[in-house]
Amino acid sequence: MKTNLCFLVWLSVSLFLGLGTVMAQNADSIMAKSTQWFDASRGWSLDFKVTVYYANSPEVATQQGSLLVGDKNRFRLTIPGIVFYSDGTTVWQWNKDQKQVLIKLVEDLSSTLHPSELLFKYLNCKATAVKKDIWQGKSIYVLTLDPSKYGKQFKAMEVWLAAADYSPVRLSTTDSMDNQSWYDISKLKRQQKIADAEFLYKSVKGVGEIDMR
């Protein structure tokens, strides 16, 4: 009887460890397919909503916008009152309410503000676990990520991928202060060709321009 019990314990532990290995392999495979989804295109467009839940505070901050991303650091980021344009070298920050445009070099743009941080953040991380779930009536993969790639910036990260094509629909980050941010992504589309003009600011009458390059 004791021998049978020991065997059952050993079998249970073996199955658990084996399941962990399978889950890790499955998570890696899913992440690889998500990377392939992006590699199949030269650009992307999407709408997003960021919700920040502050630790030890009832305050919740939200921000909505749209994003067009091309190759070679080109992008157009639109949030209420402000539009950022980048042709890969220069960044134009159009503050509509102030009727003012700030002109900077793209290399001077903080990485925390760069759109690639929103769209590709999770691709830099290793997936450690995966589970399948339903969100808004559709099947998704929920992947737990190892955030060590970002040093002490994040304590935890998670990405939700559409089961249909492995594209991202949600991203969650928890920073070192335990503030949690949720990025909801919608209308994500791959773009094979985007006109250069989409990434250039065109001077508007009555809007001042300040060149800070």
N, C-alpha and C. Protein backbone atom coordinates (compact mmCIF):
# COMPACT_ATOMS: atom_id res chain seq x y z
N MET A 1 0.84 -1.21 0.00
CA MET A 1 0.00 0.00 0.00
C MET A 1 0.87 1.25 0.00
N LYS A 2 1.93 1.20 0.85
CA LYS A 2 2.83 2.34 0.93
C LYS A 2 3.54 2.54 -0.40
N THR A 3 3.88 1.41 -1.04
CA THR A 3 4.56 1.49 -2.34
C THR A 3 3.66 2.13 -3.39
N ASN A 4 2.38 1.74 -3.36
CA ASN A 4 1.42 2.31 -4.30
C ASN A 4 1.25 3.81 -4.09
N LEU A 5 1.22 4.22 -2.81
CA LEU A 5 1.07 5.63 -2.48
C LEU A 5 2.27 6.43 -2.98
N CYS A 6 3.46 5.90 -2.76
CA CYS A 6 4.68 6.58 -3.24
C CYS A 6 4.67 6.71 -4.76
N PHE A 7 4.19 5.63 -5.41
CA PHE A 7 4.12 5.66 -6.88
C PHE A 7 3.16 6.74 -7.36
N LEU A 8 2.00 6.85 -6.69
CA LEU A 8 1.01 7.85 -7.08
C LEU A 8 1.55 9.26 -6.88
N VAL A 9 2.28 9.47 -5.76
CA VAL A 9 2.87 10.78 -5.52
C VAL A 9 3.90 11.10 -6.60
N TRP A 10 4.75 10.11 -6.90
CA TRP A 10 5.76 10.32 -7.94
C TRP A 10 5.12 10.61 -9.29
N LEU A 11 4.04 9.86 -9.60
CA LEU A 11 3.35 10.05 -10.87
C LEU A 11 2.72 11.43 -10.95
N SER A 12 2.13 11.89 -9.85
CA SER A 12 1.50 13.21 -9.82
C SER A 12 2.53 14.32 -10.04
N VAL A 13 3.67 14.20 -9.35
CA VAL A 13 4.74 15.20 -9.50
C VAL A 13 5.27 15.19 -10.92
N SER A 14 5.45 14.01 -11.49
CA SER A 14 5.96 13.90 -12.87
C SER A 14 5.00 14.54 -13.86
N LEU A 15 3.71 14.28 -13.67
CA LEU A 15 2.71 14.86 -14.56
C LEU A 15 2.69 16.37 -14.43
N PHE A 16 2.81 16.87 -13.19
CA PHE A 16 2.80 18.32 -12.96
C PHE A 16 3.99 18.99 -13.64
N LEU A 17 5.18 18.39 -13.45
CA LEU A 17 6.37 18.96 -14.06
C LEU A 17 6.29 18.86 -15.58
N GLY A 18 5.76 17.75 -16.07
CA GLY A 18 5.61 17.59 -17.51
C GLY A 18 4.65 18.59 -18.08
N LEU A 19 3.55 18.85 -17.36
CA LEU A 19 2.56 19.83 -17.80
C LEU A 19 3.18 21.22 -17.86
N GLY A 20 4.04 21.54 -16.87
CA GLY A 20 4.71 22.84 -16.86
C GLY A 20 5.58 23.02 -18.07
N THR A 21 6.29 21.94 -18.47
CA THR A 21 7.15 22.01 -19.65
C THR A 21 6.32 22.21 -20.91
N VAL A 22 5.21 21.47 -21.02
CA VAL A 22 4.32 21.60 -22.18
C VAL A 22 3.75 23.00 -22.26
N MET A 23 3.32 23.55 -21.10
CA MET A 23 2.75 24.90 -21.08
C MET A 23 3.78 25.93 -21.54
N ALA A 24 5.04 25.77 -21.08
CA ALA A 24 6.09 26.71 -21.47
C ALA A 24 6.34 26.63 -22.97
N GLN A 25 6.39 25.39 -23.49
CA GLN A 25 6.61 25.21 -24.92
C GLN A 25 5.45 25.79 -25.72
N ASN A 26 4.23 25.58 -25.24
CA ASN A 26 3.05 26.10 -25.91
C ASN A 26 3.06 27.62 -25.90
N ALA A 27 3.46 28.21 -24.76
CA ALA A 27 3.54 29.67 -24.65
C ALA A 27 4.56 30.22 -25.63
N ASP A 28 5.72 29.56 -25.73
CA ASP A 28 6.76 30.00 -26.68
C ASP A 28 6.24 29.93 -28.11
N SER A 29 5.51 28.87 -28.42
CA SER A 29 4.97 28.70 -29.76
C SER A 29 3.96 29.79 -30.10
N ILE A 30 3.12 30.12 -29.14
CA ILE A 30 2.11 31.17 -29.35
C ILE A 30 2.77 32.53 -29.53
N MET A 31 3.81 32.81 -28.73
CA MET A 31 4.53 34.07 -28.87
C MET A 31 5.20 34.16 -30.24
N ALA A 32 5.75 33.04 -30.70
CA ALA A 32 6.40 33.02 -32.01
C ALA A 32 5.39 33.32 -33.12
N LYS A 33 4.19 32.80 -32.98
CA LYS A 33 3.15 33.06 -33.98
C LYS A 33 2.69 34.51 -33.94
N SER A 34 2.70 35.12 -32.75
CA SER A 34 2.34 36.53 -32.64
C SER A 34 3.40 37.40 -33.32
N THR A 35 4.67 37.02 -33.14
CA THR A 35 5.76 37.72 -33.81
C THR A 35 5.61 37.61 -35.33
N GLN A 36 5.26 36.43 -35.80
CA GLN A 36 5.06 36.21 -37.23
C GLN A 36 3.92 37.08 -37.77
N TRP A 37 2.90 37.29 -36.94
CA TRP A 37 1.77 38.13 -37.37
C TRP A 37 2.27 39.53 -37.71
N PHE A 38 3.17 40.07 -36.89
CA PHE A 38 3.71 41.40 -37.15
C PHE A 38 4.71 41.39 -38.30
N ASP A 39 5.50 40.32 -38.39
CA ASP A 39 6.52 40.24 -39.44
C ASP A 39 5.91 40.20 -40.84
N ALA A 40 4.64 39.84 -40.92
CA ALA A 40 3.98 39.71 -42.23
C ALA A 40 3.52 41.05 -42.79
N SER A 41 3.87 42.14 -42.11
CA SER A 41 3.41 43.45 -42.56
C SER A 41 4.49 44.50 -42.40
N ARG A 42 4.34 45.61 -43.11
CA ARG A 42 5.29 46.72 -43.00
C ARG A 42 4.76 47.85 -42.13
N GLY A 43 3.50 47.76 -41.76
CA GLY A 43 2.92 48.82 -40.93
C GLY A 43 1.62 48.35 -40.30
N TRP A 44 1.13 49.15 -39.34
CA TRP A 44 -0.09 48.78 -38.62
C TRP A 44 -0.87 50.04 -38.22
N SER A 45 -2.16 49.88 -38.12
CA SER A 45 -3.00 50.96 -37.60
C SER A 45 -3.89 50.37 -36.51
N LEU A 46 -4.22 51.18 -35.50
CA LEU A 46 -5.02 50.68 -34.39
C LEU A 46 -5.58 51.83 -33.58
N ASP A 47 -6.62 51.52 -32.83
CA ASP A 47 -7.14 52.41 -31.80
C ASP A 47 -6.76 51.81 -30.46
N PHE A 48 -6.59 52.64 -29.45
CA PHE A 48 -6.22 52.11 -28.14
C PHE A 48 -6.86 52.91 -27.01
N LYS A 49 -6.94 52.26 -25.87
CA LYS A 49 -7.38 52.91 -24.64
C LYS A 49 -6.47 52.43 -23.52
N VAL A 50 -5.89 53.36 -22.79
CA VAL A 50 -5.02 53.04 -21.66
C VAL A 50 -5.74 53.40 -20.37
N THR A 51 -5.82 52.46 -19.46
CA THR A 51 -6.43 52.69 -18.15
C THR A 51 -5.39 52.39 -17.08
N VAL A 52 -5.14 53.35 -16.20
CA VAL A 52 -4.14 53.19 -15.14
C VAL A 52 -4.83 53.17 -13.78
N TYR A 53 -4.59 52.10 -13.03
CA TYR A 53 -5.12 51.96 -11.67
C TYR A 53 -3.96 52.19 -10.70
N TYR A 54 -4.04 53.27 -9.95
CA TYR A 54 -2.95 53.63 -9.04
C TYR A 54 -3.05 52.86 -7.73
N ALA A 55 -1.91 52.39 -7.26
CA ALA A 55 -1.87 51.63 -6.02
C ALA A 55 -2.24 52.53 -4.84
N ASN A 56 -2.99 51.98 -3.90
CA ASN A 56 -3.38 52.69 -2.68
C ASN A 56 -4.11 54.00 -2.97
N SER A 57 -4.85 54.03 -4.09
CA SER A 57 -5.59 55.23 -4.44
C SER A 57 -6.81 54.84 -5.27
N PRO A 58 -7.94 55.50 -5.04
CA PRO A 58 -9.12 55.21 -5.86
C PRO A 58 -9.06 55.86 -7.24
N GLU A 59 -8.04 56.69 -7.46
CA GLU A 59 -7.92 57.42 -8.72
C GLU A 59 -7.64 56.47 -9.89
N VAL A 60 -8.32 56.71 -10.99
CA VAL A 60 -8.12 55.94 -12.21
C VAL A 60 -7.94 56.92 -13.36
N ALA A 61 -6.88 56.75 -14.14
CA ALA A 61 -6.61 57.63 -15.28
C ALA A 61 -6.84 56.87 -16.58
N THR A 62 -7.41 57.54 -17.56
CA THR A 62 -7.64 56.91 -18.86
C THR A 62 -7.17 57.81 -19.99
N GLN A 63 -6.79 57.21 -21.08
CA GLN A 63 -6.36 57.94 -22.27
C GLN A 63 -6.74 57.12 -23.50
N GLN A 64 -7.30 57.76 -24.50
CA GLN A 64 -7.67 57.07 -25.73
C GLN A 64 -6.97 57.73 -26.91
N GLY A 65 -6.80 56.97 -27.96
CA GLY A 65 -6.16 57.54 -29.13
C GLY A 65 -6.11 56.55 -30.28
N SER A 66 -5.40 56.97 -31.32
CA SER A 66 -5.20 56.10 -32.49
C SER A 66 -3.73 56.17 -32.89
N LEU A 67 -3.28 55.13 -33.55
CA LEU A 67 -1.86 55.02 -33.87
C LEU A 67 -1.68 54.40 -35.25
N LEU A 68 -0.81 55.03 -36.03
CA LEU A 68 -0.39 54.49 -37.32
C LEU A 68 1.12 54.30 -37.25
N VAL A 69 1.58 53.09 -37.49
CA VAL A 69 3.01 52.79 -37.37
C VAL A 69 3.55 52.27 -38.70
N GLY A 70 4.67 52.83 -39.12
CA GLY A 70 5.35 52.35 -40.31
C GLY A 70 6.74 51.86 -39.95
N ASP A 71 7.55 51.57 -40.94
CA ASP A 71 8.92 51.13 -40.68
C ASP A 71 9.82 52.34 -40.42
N LYS A 72 11.03 52.07 -39.97
CA LYS A 72 12.06 53.10 -39.79
C LYS A 72 11.61 54.24 -38.88
N ASN A 73 10.98 53.90 -37.75
CA ASN A 73 10.57 54.88 -36.73
C ASN A 73 9.52 55.87 -37.21
N ARG A 74 8.78 55.52 -38.23
CA ARG A 74 7.72 56.42 -38.71
C ARG A 74 6.41 56.10 -37.99
N PHE A 75 5.73 57.15 -37.56
CA PHE A 75 4.45 56.93 -36.90
C PHE A 75 3.62 58.21 -36.87
N ARG A 76 2.34 58.03 -36.59
CA ARG A 76 1.43 59.15 -36.31
C ARG A 76 0.57 58.73 -35.12
N LEU A 77 0.73 59.45 -34.03
CA LEU A 77 0.01 59.15 -32.79
C LEU A 77 -0.96 60.29 -32.50
N THR A 78 -2.23 59.94 -32.36
CA THR A 78 -3.27 60.95 -32.11
C THR A 78 -3.94 60.68 -30.77
N ILE A 79 -3.89 61.67 -29.87
CA ILE A 79 -4.60 61.63 -28.60
C ILE A 79 -5.35 62.95 -28.48
N PRO A 80 -6.34 63.05 -27.60
CA PRO A 80 -7.12 64.29 -27.51
C PRO A 80 -6.26 65.54 -27.38
N GLY A 81 -6.37 66.44 -28.35
CA GLY A 81 -5.67 67.72 -28.30
C GLY A 81 -4.27 67.72 -28.87
N ILE A 82 -3.69 66.54 -29.12
CA ILE A 82 -2.30 66.47 -29.58
C ILE A 82 -2.15 65.42 -30.68
N VAL A 83 -1.35 65.75 -31.70
CA VAL A 83 -1.00 64.78 -32.73
C VAL A 83 0.53 64.77 -32.87
N PHE A 84 1.12 63.58 -32.82
CA PHE A 84 2.55 63.42 -33.04
C PHE A 84 2.76 62.84 -34.44
N TYR A 85 3.68 63.43 -35.19
CA TYR A 85 4.07 62.90 -36.49
C TYR A 85 5.57 62.59 -36.44
N SER A 86 5.98 61.51 -37.08
CA SER A 86 7.41 61.22 -37.20
C SER A 86 7.69 60.60 -38.56
N ASP A 87 8.66 61.17 -39.27
CA ASP A 87 9.07 60.61 -40.56
C ASP A 87 10.29 59.71 -40.40
N GLY A 88 10.63 59.40 -39.15
CA GLY A 88 11.78 58.56 -38.86
C GLY A 88 12.99 59.34 -38.41
N THR A 89 13.01 60.63 -38.71
CA THR A 89 14.11 61.51 -38.32
C THR A 89 13.62 62.65 -37.43
N THR A 90 12.52 63.27 -37.84
CA THR A 90 11.96 64.42 -37.14
C THR A 90 10.61 64.07 -36.53
N VAL A 91 10.34 64.66 -35.36
CA VAL A 91 9.05 64.50 -34.69
C VAL A 91 8.38 65.87 -34.59
N TRP A 92 7.13 65.94 -35.02
CA TRP A 92 6.33 67.16 -34.87
C TRP A 92 5.25 66.90 -33.82
N GLN A 93 5.22 67.71 -32.79
CA GLN A 93 4.20 67.59 -31.75
C GLN A 93 3.23 68.76 -31.89
N TRP A 94 2.08 68.49 -32.45
CA TRP A 94 1.09 69.52 -32.72
C TRP A 94 0.10 69.61 -31.56
N ASN A 95 0.25 70.67 -30.77
CA ASN A 95 -0.66 70.93 -29.67
C ASN A 95 -1.80 71.81 -30.19
N LYS A 96 -2.91 71.20 -30.51
CA LYS A 96 -3.98 71.92 -31.20
C LYS A 96 -4.58 73.03 -30.35
N ASP A 97 -4.79 72.79 -29.07
CA ASP A 97 -5.40 73.81 -28.21
C ASP A 97 -4.51 75.04 -28.08
N GLN A 98 -3.19 74.82 -28.07
CA GLN A 98 -2.25 75.92 -27.94
C GLN A 98 -1.86 76.52 -29.29
N LYS A 99 -2.33 75.89 -30.36
CA LYS A 99 -1.99 76.33 -31.72
C LYS A 99 -0.47 76.45 -31.87
N GLN A 100 0.20 75.35 -31.49
CA GLN A 100 1.66 75.36 -31.48
C GLN A 100 2.20 73.99 -31.88
N VAL A 101 3.30 73.99 -32.63
CA VAL A 101 3.96 72.75 -33.03
C VAL A 101 5.41 72.79 -32.54
N LEU A 102 5.80 71.75 -31.79
CA LEU A 102 7.18 71.60 -31.35
C LEU A 102 7.87 70.62 -32.29
N ILE A 103 9.04 70.99 -32.77
CA ILE A 103 9.77 70.15 -33.72
C ILE A 103 11.04 69.64 -33.04
N LYS A 104 11.17 68.30 -32.98
CA LYS A 104 12.31 67.68 -32.31
C LYS A 104 12.88 66.57 -33.18
N LEU A 105 14.06 66.07 -32.78
CA LEU A 105 14.63 64.90 -33.42
C LEU A 105 14.01 63.66 -32.79
N VAL A 106 13.78 62.62 -33.58
CA VAL A 106 13.16 61.41 -33.05
C VAL A 106 14.02 60.76 -31.98
N GLU A 107 15.33 60.94 -32.06
CA GLU A 107 16.22 60.35 -31.06
C GLU A 107 16.06 61.00 -29.69
N ASP A 108 15.46 62.19 -29.66
CA ASP A 108 15.24 62.88 -28.39
C ASP A 108 13.91 62.49 -27.75
N LEU A 109 13.13 61.67 -28.44
CA LEU A 109 11.83 61.26 -27.92
C LEU A 109 12.03 60.19 -26.86
N SER A 110 11.42 60.38 -25.71
CA SER A 110 11.53 59.41 -24.62
C SER A 110 10.98 58.07 -25.07
N SER A 111 11.68 56.99 -24.72
CA SER A 111 11.23 55.65 -25.12
C SER A 111 9.87 55.32 -24.53
N THR A 112 9.53 55.93 -23.39
CA THR A 112 8.22 55.66 -22.78
C THR A 112 7.09 56.27 -23.59
N LEU A 113 7.42 57.24 -24.46
CA LEU A 113 6.41 57.87 -25.29
C LEU A 113 6.38 57.30 -26.71
N HIS A 114 7.42 56.54 -27.05
CA HIS A 114 7.49 56.03 -28.41
C HIS A 114 6.40 54.98 -28.63
N PRO A 115 5.65 55.09 -29.71
CA PRO A 115 4.55 54.16 -29.97
C PRO A 115 4.96 52.69 -29.99
N SER A 116 6.21 52.40 -30.34
CA SER A 116 6.63 51.01 -30.35
C SER A 116 6.55 50.40 -28.97
N GLU A 117 6.67 51.24 -27.94
CA GLU A 117 6.55 50.74 -26.58
C GLU A 117 5.14 50.25 -26.29
N LEU A 118 4.17 50.84 -26.95
CA LEU A 118 2.79 50.39 -26.79
C LEU A 118 2.55 49.10 -27.57
N LEU A 119 3.00 49.08 -28.80
CA LEU A 119 2.65 47.98 -29.69
C LEU A 119 3.53 46.75 -29.54
N PHE A 120 4.82 46.95 -29.30
CA PHE A 120 5.75 45.82 -29.33
C PHE A 120 6.31 45.43 -27.97
N LYS A 121 5.90 46.10 -26.92
CA LYS A 121 6.46 45.86 -25.59
C LYS A 121 6.49 44.37 -25.23
N TYR A 122 5.40 43.69 -25.45
CA TYR A 122 5.31 42.29 -25.03
C TYR A 122 6.20 41.36 -25.85
N LEU A 123 6.53 41.76 -27.08
CA LEU A 123 7.34 40.90 -27.94
C LEU A 123 8.77 40.78 -27.44
N ASN A 124 9.18 41.69 -26.56
CA ASN A 124 10.54 41.64 -26.02
C ASN A 124 10.66 40.71 -24.82
N CYS A 125 9.54 40.14 -24.38
CA CYS A 125 9.52 39.33 -23.17
C CYS A 125 9.32 37.85 -23.48
N LYS A 126 9.77 37.02 -22.55
CA LYS A 126 9.56 35.57 -22.66
C LYS A 126 8.26 35.21 -21.96
N ALA A 127 7.45 34.40 -22.61
CA ALA A 127 6.20 33.93 -22.01
C ALA A 127 6.50 32.76 -21.08
N THR A 128 5.98 32.82 -19.86
CA THR A 128 6.24 31.77 -18.87
C THR A 128 5.04 30.87 -18.64
N ALA A 129 3.85 31.30 -19.03
CA ALA A 129 2.64 30.49 -18.85
C ALA A 129 1.57 30.97 -19.80
N VAL A 130 0.63 30.09 -20.11
CA VAL A 130 -0.46 30.44 -21.02
C VAL A 130 -1.74 29.73 -20.59
N LYS A 131 -2.85 30.39 -20.80
CA LYS A 131 -4.15 29.75 -20.58
C LYS A 131 -5.11 30.29 -21.63
N LYS A 132 -6.12 29.51 -21.95
CA LYS A 132 -7.10 29.93 -22.93
C LYS A 132 -8.33 30.45 -22.20
N ASP A 133 -8.92 31.52 -22.74
CA ASP A 133 -10.06 32.14 -22.07
C ASP A 133 -10.99 32.74 -23.13
N ILE A 134 -12.07 33.34 -22.65
CA ILE A 134 -13.02 34.03 -23.52
C ILE A 134 -13.11 35.48 -23.08
N TRP A 135 -13.01 36.40 -24.03
CA TRP A 135 -13.13 37.83 -23.72
C TRP A 135 -13.94 38.49 -24.83
N GLN A 136 -14.97 39.20 -24.43
CA GLN A 136 -15.87 39.86 -25.37
C GLN A 136 -16.39 38.87 -26.42
N GLY A 137 -16.68 37.66 -25.95
CA GLY A 137 -17.27 36.65 -26.80
C GLY A 137 -16.32 35.94 -27.74
N LYS A 138 -15.01 36.21 -27.64
CA LYS A 138 -14.04 35.60 -28.54
C LYS A 138 -12.96 34.87 -27.75
N SER A 139 -12.42 33.82 -28.34
CA SER A 139 -11.36 33.04 -27.70
C SER A 139 -10.05 33.81 -27.72
N ILE A 140 -9.34 33.76 -26.60
CA ILE A 140 -8.05 34.44 -26.49
C ILE A 140 -7.05 33.55 -25.76
N TYR A 141 -5.78 33.87 -25.93
CA TYR A 141 -4.71 33.27 -25.13
C TYR A 141 -4.23 34.34 -24.16
N VAL A 142 -4.18 33.99 -22.88
CA VAL A 142 -3.65 34.90 -21.86
C VAL A 142 -2.25 34.42 -21.50
N LEU A 143 -1.25 35.22 -21.82
CA LEU A 143 0.14 34.83 -21.58
C LEU A 143 0.74 35.65 -20.44
N THR A 144 1.30 34.94 -19.46
CA THR A 144 2.07 35.58 -18.40
C THR A 144 3.49 35.78 -18.91
N LEU A 145 4.03 36.97 -18.74
CA LEU A 145 5.34 37.30 -19.30
C LEU A 145 6.38 37.54 -18.22
N ASP A 146 7.63 37.31 -18.57
CA ASP A 146 8.75 37.64 -17.70
C ASP A 146 9.19 39.06 -18.05
N PRO A 147 8.99 40.04 -17.14
CA PRO A 147 9.29 41.44 -17.46
C PRO A 147 10.74 41.85 -17.21
N SER A 148 11.63 40.90 -16.92
CA SER A 148 13.00 41.24 -16.54
C SER A 148 13.74 41.99 -17.64
N LYS A 149 13.27 41.86 -18.88
CA LYS A 149 13.88 42.59 -20.00
C LYS A 149 13.88 44.09 -19.73
N TYR A 150 12.89 44.56 -18.97
CA TYR A 150 12.75 45.99 -18.68
C TYR A 150 13.31 46.37 -17.31
N GLY A 151 14.17 45.52 -16.76
CA GLY A 151 14.80 45.83 -15.48
C GLY A 151 13.79 45.95 -14.36
N LYS A 152 13.90 47.03 -13.59
CA LYS A 152 13.00 47.24 -12.46
C LYS A 152 11.77 48.07 -12.83
N GLN A 153 11.59 48.33 -14.12
CA GLN A 153 10.46 49.15 -14.55
C GLN A 153 9.13 48.46 -14.29
N PHE A 154 9.10 47.13 -14.49
CA PHE A 154 7.85 46.38 -14.30
C PHE A 154 8.05 45.18 -13.39
N LYS A 155 7.02 44.91 -12.57
CA LYS A 155 7.02 43.74 -11.70
C LYS A 155 6.27 42.58 -12.36
N ALA A 156 5.33 42.91 -13.22
CA ALA A 156 4.53 41.87 -13.87
C ALA A 156 4.01 42.38 -15.20
N MET A 157 3.87 41.46 -16.15
CA MET A 157 3.31 41.79 -17.46
C MET A 157 2.47 40.63 -17.96
N GLU A 158 1.45 40.97 -18.73
CA GLU A 158 0.56 39.96 -19.28
C GLU A 158 0.04 40.46 -20.62
N VAL A 159 -0.11 39.57 -21.59
CA VAL A 159 -0.66 39.95 -22.88
C VAL A 159 -1.78 38.99 -23.25
N TRP A 160 -2.82 39.54 -23.85
CA TRP A 160 -3.94 38.74 -24.33
C TRP A 160 -3.89 38.76 -25.85
N LEU A 161 -3.86 37.58 -26.45
CA LEU A 161 -3.77 37.45 -27.90
C LEU A 161 -5.04 36.80 -28.45
N ALA A 162 -5.50 37.29 -29.59
CA ALA A 162 -6.65 36.69 -30.24
C ALA A 162 -6.28 35.28 -30.69
N ALA A 163 -7.10 34.29 -30.33
CA ALA A 163 -6.81 32.91 -30.70
C ALA A 163 -6.89 32.71 -32.21
N ALA A 164 -7.65 33.56 -32.88
CA ALA A 164 -7.84 33.42 -34.33
C ALA A 164 -6.58 33.70 -35.13
N ASP A 165 -5.80 34.74 -34.73
CA ASP A 165 -4.63 35.11 -35.52
C ASP A 165 -3.41 35.51 -34.69
N TYR A 166 -3.51 35.43 -33.36
CA TYR A 166 -2.40 35.72 -32.44
C TYR A 166 -2.03 37.21 -32.38
N SER A 167 -2.92 38.07 -32.80
CA SER A 167 -2.68 39.51 -32.68
C SER A 167 -3.06 39.96 -31.27
N PRO A 168 -2.42 41.02 -30.74
CA PRO A 168 -2.69 41.46 -29.38
C PRO A 168 -4.01 42.22 -29.26
N VAL A 169 -4.73 41.95 -28.18
CA VAL A 169 -5.97 42.68 -27.91
C VAL A 169 -5.89 43.43 -26.58
N ARG A 170 -5.06 42.94 -25.65
CA ARG A 170 -4.87 43.62 -24.36
C ARG A 170 -3.45 43.38 -23.86
N LEU A 171 -2.94 44.37 -23.14
CA LEU A 171 -1.64 44.24 -22.50
C LEU A 171 -1.75 44.84 -21.11
N SER A 172 -1.23 44.13 -20.12
CA SER A 172 -1.26 44.61 -18.74
C SER A 172 0.15 44.71 -18.21
N THR A 173 0.46 45.81 -17.52
CA THR A 173 1.75 45.97 -16.87
C THR A 173 1.55 46.43 -15.43
N THR A 174 2.39 45.95 -14.54
CA THR A 174 2.40 46.40 -13.14
C THR A 174 3.78 46.94 -12.86
N ASP A 175 3.88 48.22 -12.49
CA ASP A 175 5.19 48.82 -12.29
C ASP A 175 5.71 48.58 -10.88
N SER A 176 6.89 49.12 -10.60
CA SER A 176 7.54 48.89 -9.30
C SER A 176 6.78 49.49 -8.14
N MET A 177 5.84 50.41 -8.42
CA MET A 177 5.02 51.03 -7.38
C MET A 177 3.66 50.35 -7.27
N ASP A 178 3.49 49.25 -7.97
CA ASP A 178 2.24 48.47 -7.98
C ASP A 178 1.09 49.18 -8.70
N ASN A 179 1.41 50.17 -9.52
CA ASN A 179 0.38 50.77 -10.37
C ASN A 179 0.16 49.84 -11.57
N GLN A 180 -1.08 49.57 -11.88
CA GLN A 180 -1.39 48.65 -12.98
C GLN A 180 -1.99 49.40 -14.17
N SER A 181 -1.45 49.13 -15.35
CA SER A 181 -1.93 49.76 -16.58
C SER A 181 -2.48 48.69 -17.52
N TRP A 182 -3.63 48.98 -18.09
CA TRP A 182 -4.24 48.10 -19.09
C TRP A 182 -4.30 48.84 -20.42
N TYR A 183 -3.76 48.22 -21.47
CA TYR A 183 -3.82 48.75 -22.82
C TYR A 183 -4.82 47.91 -23.61
N ASP A 184 -5.94 48.51 -23.98
CA ASP A 184 -6.93 47.82 -24.81
C ASP A 184 -6.73 48.23 -26.26
N ILE A 185 -6.53 47.26 -27.12
CA ILE A 185 -6.25 47.50 -28.53
C ILE A 185 -7.43 47.06 -29.38
N SER A 186 -7.86 47.93 -30.28
CA SER A 186 -8.98 47.61 -31.16
C SER A 186 -8.69 48.09 -32.58
N LYS A 187 -9.42 47.54 -33.52
CA LYS A 187 -9.28 47.90 -34.94
C LYS A 187 -7.84 47.79 -35.43
N LEU A 188 -7.13 46.79 -34.93
CA LEU A 188 -5.75 46.56 -35.35
C LEU A 188 -5.72 45.96 -36.75
N LYS A 189 -5.04 46.66 -37.66
CA LYS A 189 -4.97 46.22 -39.05
C LYS A 189 -3.53 46.29 -39.55
N ARG A 190 -3.17 45.32 -40.36
CA ARG A 190 -1.86 45.35 -41.00
C ARG A 190 -1.92 46.21 -42.26
N GLN A 191 -0.87 46.97 -42.48
CA GLN A 191 -0.79 47.86 -43.65
C GLN A 191 0.45 47.49 -44.47
N GLN A 192 0.25 47.17 -45.73
CA GLN A 192 1.38 46.79 -46.57
C GLN A 192 2.06 48.00 -47.21
N LYS A 193 1.31 49.07 -47.40
CA LYS A 193 1.88 50.28 -47.99
C LYS A 193 1.21 51.50 -47.40
N ILE A 194 2.02 52.41 -46.87
CA ILE A 194 1.50 53.64 -46.26
C ILE A 194 2.20 54.82 -46.92
N ALA A 195 1.44 55.78 -47.38
CA ALA A 195 2.01 56.96 -48.04
C ALA A 195 2.89 57.75 -47.07
N ASP A 196 4.01 58.25 -47.56
CA ASP A 196 4.94 59.03 -46.73
C ASP A 196 4.25 60.23 -46.09
N ALA A 197 3.28 60.81 -46.79
CA ALA A 197 2.59 62.00 -46.31
C ALA A 197 1.85 61.76 -44.99
N GLU A 198 1.53 60.50 -44.70
CA GLU A 198 0.81 60.18 -43.46
C GLU A 198 1.65 60.46 -42.23
N PHE A 199 2.98 60.53 -42.40
CA PHE A 199 3.88 60.71 -41.28
C PHE A 199 4.51 62.11 -41.23
N LEU A 200 3.98 63.01 -42.03
CA LEU A 200 4.53 64.37 -42.11
C LEU A 200 3.51 65.40 -41.64
N TYR A 201 3.98 66.35 -40.84
CA TYR A 201 3.11 67.46 -40.45
C TYR A 201 3.11 68.50 -41.55
N LYS A 202 1.93 68.96 -41.91
CA LYS A 202 1.80 70.02 -42.91
C LYS A 202 1.43 71.31 -42.20
N SER A 203 2.19 72.35 -42.48
CA SER A 203 1.98 73.63 -41.80
C SER A 203 0.54 74.10 -41.92
N VAL A 204 0.01 74.60 -40.81
CA VAL A 204 -1.37 75.08 -40.74
C VAL A 204 -1.34 76.58 -40.45
N LYS A 205 -2.12 77.34 -41.18
CA LYS A 205 -2.16 78.78 -40.99
C LYS A 205 -2.61 79.11 -39.56
N GLY A 206 -1.86 80.00 -38.92
CA GLY A 206 -2.21 80.41 -37.56
C GLY A 206 -1.60 79.55 -36.47
N VAL A 207 -0.85 78.52 -36.86
CA VAL A 207 -0.20 77.63 -35.89
C VAL A 207 1.30 77.92 -35.87
N GLY A 208 1.82 78.30 -34.70
CA GLY A 208 3.23 78.61 -34.58
C GLY A 208 4.09 77.36 -34.53
N GLU A 209 5.32 77.46 -35.05
CA GLU A 209 6.23 76.32 -35.06
C GLU A 209 7.51 76.68 -34.30
N ILE A 210 7.89 75.82 -33.35
CA ILE A 210 9.10 76.03 -32.56
C ILE A 210 10.06 74.89 -32.86
N ASP A 211 11.18 75.22 -33.50
CA ASP A 211 12.16 74.21 -33.89
C ASP A 211 13.15 73.99 -32.75
N MET A 212 13.14 72.80 -32.15
CA MET A 212 14.00 72.49 -31.01
C MET A 212 15.10 71.49 -31.39
N ARG A 213 15.34 71.32 -32.67
CA ARG A 213 16.36 70.36 -33.10
C ARG A 213 17.77 70.93 -32.89
